[in-house]
N, C-alpha and C. Protein backbone atom coordinates (compact mmCIF):
# COMPACT_ATOMS: atom_id res chain seq x y z
N MET A 1 0.83 -1.17 0.00
CA MET A 1 0.00 0.00 0.00
C MET A 1 0.89 1.24 0.00
N TYR A 2 0.49 2.24 -0.77
CA TYR A 2 1.23 3.50 -0.78
C TYR A 2 0.94 4.30 0.47
N VAL A 3 1.99 4.83 1.08
CA VAL A 3 1.86 5.71 2.23
C VAL A 3 1.89 7.15 1.75
N CYS A 4 2.74 7.42 0.78
CA CYS A 4 2.92 8.79 0.27
C CYS A 4 2.66 8.82 -1.23
N ALA A 5 1.60 9.51 -1.62
CA ALA A 5 1.29 9.64 -3.04
C ALA A 5 2.23 10.62 -3.73
N CYS A 6 2.69 11.63 -3.01
CA CYS A 6 3.58 12.64 -3.61
C CYS A 6 4.92 12.04 -4.05
N HIS A 7 5.47 11.18 -3.19
CA HIS A 7 6.79 10.60 -3.46
C HIS A 7 6.72 9.13 -3.87
N GLY A 8 5.56 8.53 -3.73
CA GLY A 8 5.36 7.15 -4.16
C GLY A 8 6.02 6.10 -3.29
N PHE A 9 6.25 6.40 -1.99
CA PHE A 9 6.81 5.35 -1.17
C PHE A 9 5.71 4.56 -0.48
N THR A 10 6.05 3.32 -0.21
CA THR A 10 5.07 2.35 0.27
C THR A 10 5.24 2.04 1.75
N GLU A 11 4.26 1.34 2.28
CA GLU A 11 4.30 0.89 3.66
C GLU A 11 5.54 0.01 3.89
N LYS A 12 5.85 -0.83 2.93
CA LYS A 12 7.02 -1.71 3.04
C LYS A 12 8.31 -0.87 3.15
N GLN A 13 8.42 0.18 2.36
CA GLN A 13 9.61 1.04 2.41
C GLN A 13 9.72 1.76 3.75
N VAL A 14 8.60 2.23 4.29
CA VAL A 14 8.62 2.90 5.59
C VAL A 14 9.03 1.89 6.67
N ASN A 15 8.44 0.71 6.63
CA ASN A 15 8.80 -0.32 7.62
C ASN A 15 10.28 -0.67 7.53
N GLN A 16 10.83 -0.72 6.32
CA GLN A 16 12.26 -1.00 6.15
C GLN A 16 13.09 0.11 6.77
N ALA A 17 12.71 1.37 6.53
CA ALA A 17 13.44 2.51 7.10
C ALA A 17 13.41 2.47 8.62
N VAL A 18 12.27 2.12 9.19
CA VAL A 18 12.13 2.04 10.64
C VAL A 18 12.96 0.89 11.19
N SER A 19 13.03 -0.22 10.47
CA SER A 19 13.75 -1.39 10.95
C SER A 19 15.27 -1.23 10.90
N GLU A 20 15.76 -0.19 10.24
CA GLU A 20 17.20 0.04 10.14
C GLU A 20 17.81 0.57 11.43
N GLY A 21 16.99 0.84 12.41
CA GLY A 21 17.48 1.30 13.70
C GLY A 21 16.59 2.37 14.26
N PRO A 22 16.84 2.73 15.51
CA PRO A 22 16.02 3.76 16.15
C PRO A 22 15.96 5.02 15.30
N CYS A 23 14.78 5.56 15.16
CA CYS A 23 14.66 6.76 14.36
C CYS A 23 13.43 7.55 14.72
N SER A 24 13.48 8.81 14.36
CA SER A 24 12.33 9.70 14.51
C SER A 24 11.56 9.68 13.20
N VAL A 25 10.44 10.36 13.19
CA VAL A 25 9.65 10.49 11.97
C VAL A 25 10.49 11.20 10.90
N ALA A 26 11.18 12.26 11.30
CA ALA A 26 12.03 13.00 10.35
C ALA A 26 13.11 12.09 9.78
N GLU A 27 13.65 11.20 10.60
CA GLU A 27 14.69 10.28 10.13
C GLU A 27 14.13 9.30 9.10
N VAL A 28 12.89 8.88 9.25
CA VAL A 28 12.27 7.99 8.24
C VAL A 28 12.29 8.68 6.88
N TYR A 29 11.88 9.94 6.84
CA TYR A 29 11.89 10.68 5.57
C TYR A 29 13.31 10.82 5.03
N ARG A 30 14.28 11.10 5.90
CA ARG A 30 15.68 11.20 5.44
C ARG A 30 16.15 9.88 4.86
N ARG A 31 15.84 8.79 5.52
CA ARG A 31 16.24 7.47 5.03
C ARG A 31 15.61 7.14 3.69
N LEU A 32 14.44 7.70 3.44
CA LEU A 32 13.77 7.49 2.16
C LEU A 32 14.18 8.54 1.12
N GLY A 33 15.01 9.50 1.54
CA GLY A 33 15.50 10.52 0.62
C GLY A 33 14.46 11.56 0.26
N GLU A 34 13.50 11.78 1.16
CA GLU A 34 12.40 12.71 0.88
C GLU A 34 12.13 13.60 2.08
N THR A 35 11.31 14.60 1.87
CA THR A 35 10.75 15.42 2.94
C THR A 35 9.24 15.48 2.70
N PRO A 36 8.45 15.64 3.74
CA PRO A 36 7.01 15.72 3.53
C PRO A 36 6.69 16.87 2.56
N GLN A 37 5.80 16.60 1.64
CA GLN A 37 5.42 17.63 0.67
C GLN A 37 4.04 18.20 1.02
N CYS A 38 2.99 17.43 0.84
CA CYS A 38 1.65 17.94 1.16
C CYS A 38 1.30 17.68 2.62
N GLY A 39 1.97 16.72 3.26
CA GLY A 39 1.75 16.43 4.67
C GLY A 39 0.72 15.36 4.96
N LYS A 40 0.02 14.87 3.96
CA LYS A 40 -1.03 13.88 4.21
C LYS A 40 -0.48 12.55 4.73
N CYS A 41 0.76 12.23 4.43
CA CYS A 41 1.34 10.96 4.85
C CYS A 41 1.97 11.02 6.23
N VAL A 42 2.17 12.20 6.79
CA VAL A 42 2.89 12.34 8.04
C VAL A 42 2.25 11.54 9.17
N CYS A 43 0.96 11.63 9.33
CA CYS A 43 0.29 10.89 10.41
C CYS A 43 0.43 9.38 10.23
N ALA A 44 0.39 8.90 9.01
CA ALA A 44 0.58 7.47 8.76
C ALA A 44 1.99 7.04 9.15
N VAL A 45 2.98 7.87 8.82
CA VAL A 45 4.36 7.56 9.18
C VAL A 45 4.52 7.61 10.70
N VAL A 46 3.91 8.59 11.35
CA VAL A 46 3.94 8.69 12.82
C VAL A 46 3.39 7.39 13.42
N ASP A 47 2.25 6.93 12.93
CA ASP A 47 1.64 5.70 13.45
C ASP A 47 2.55 4.50 13.26
N MET A 48 3.23 4.44 12.12
CA MET A 48 4.12 3.32 11.85
C MET A 48 5.33 3.35 12.77
N VAL A 49 5.89 4.53 13.02
CA VAL A 49 7.02 4.65 13.95
C VAL A 49 6.55 4.30 15.36
N ARG A 50 5.39 4.80 15.74
CA ARG A 50 4.85 4.48 17.07
C ARG A 50 4.69 2.97 17.24
N GLY A 51 4.16 2.33 16.22
CA GLY A 51 3.95 0.88 16.29
C GLY A 51 5.25 0.11 16.42
N ALA A 52 6.29 0.59 15.77
CA ALA A 52 7.57 -0.10 15.78
C ALA A 52 8.43 0.24 16.98
N ARG A 53 8.33 1.49 17.46
CA ARG A 53 9.24 1.96 18.49
C ARG A 53 8.59 2.32 19.81
N GLY A 54 7.30 2.47 19.82
CA GLY A 54 6.61 2.89 21.04
C GLY A 54 6.31 4.38 21.00
N VAL A 55 5.20 4.75 21.56
CA VAL A 55 4.72 6.12 21.52
C VAL A 55 5.72 7.10 22.11
N ASP A 56 6.40 6.76 23.21
CA ASP A 56 7.28 7.68 23.90
C ASP A 56 8.50 8.09 23.08
N GLN A 57 8.88 7.33 22.06
CA GLN A 57 10.07 7.65 21.29
C GLN A 57 9.78 8.48 20.05
N VAL A 58 8.52 8.79 19.79
CA VAL A 58 8.16 9.58 18.62
C VAL A 58 8.43 11.04 18.95
N SER A 59 8.92 11.79 17.97
CA SER A 59 9.22 13.20 18.16
C SER A 59 8.04 13.95 18.74
N ALA A 60 8.32 14.81 19.69
CA ALA A 60 7.29 15.54 20.42
C ALA A 60 6.43 16.41 19.51
N GLY A 61 6.94 16.90 18.42
CA GLY A 61 6.21 17.78 17.54
C GLY A 61 5.10 17.11 16.76
N MET A 62 4.93 15.82 16.87
CA MET A 62 3.94 15.10 16.09
C MET A 62 2.70 14.73 16.91
N GLN A 63 2.47 15.34 18.04
CA GLN A 63 1.34 14.99 18.89
C GLN A 63 0.00 15.31 18.23
N ALA A 64 -0.05 16.16 17.24
CA ALA A 64 -1.32 16.49 16.55
C ALA A 64 -1.92 15.29 15.85
N CYS A 65 -1.13 14.27 15.60
CA CYS A 65 -1.62 13.09 14.89
C CYS A 65 -2.20 12.04 15.85
N ALA A 66 -2.16 12.31 17.13
CA ALA A 66 -2.62 11.33 18.13
C ALA A 66 -4.11 11.07 18.02
């Protein structure tokens, strides 16, 4: 499933980026070589990082997606 329509990255790619080691939401985008464009995918990426790393390790600036 596509997570980001702007850049065309998939759920599998995000999960791979997260599995490469501890990371923030911003680090997921860096690992994918992108930055959020329209922002619609940010909450999905936040949820995926939360699921993999736990809520407490997600960057504080992303609480709006809770």
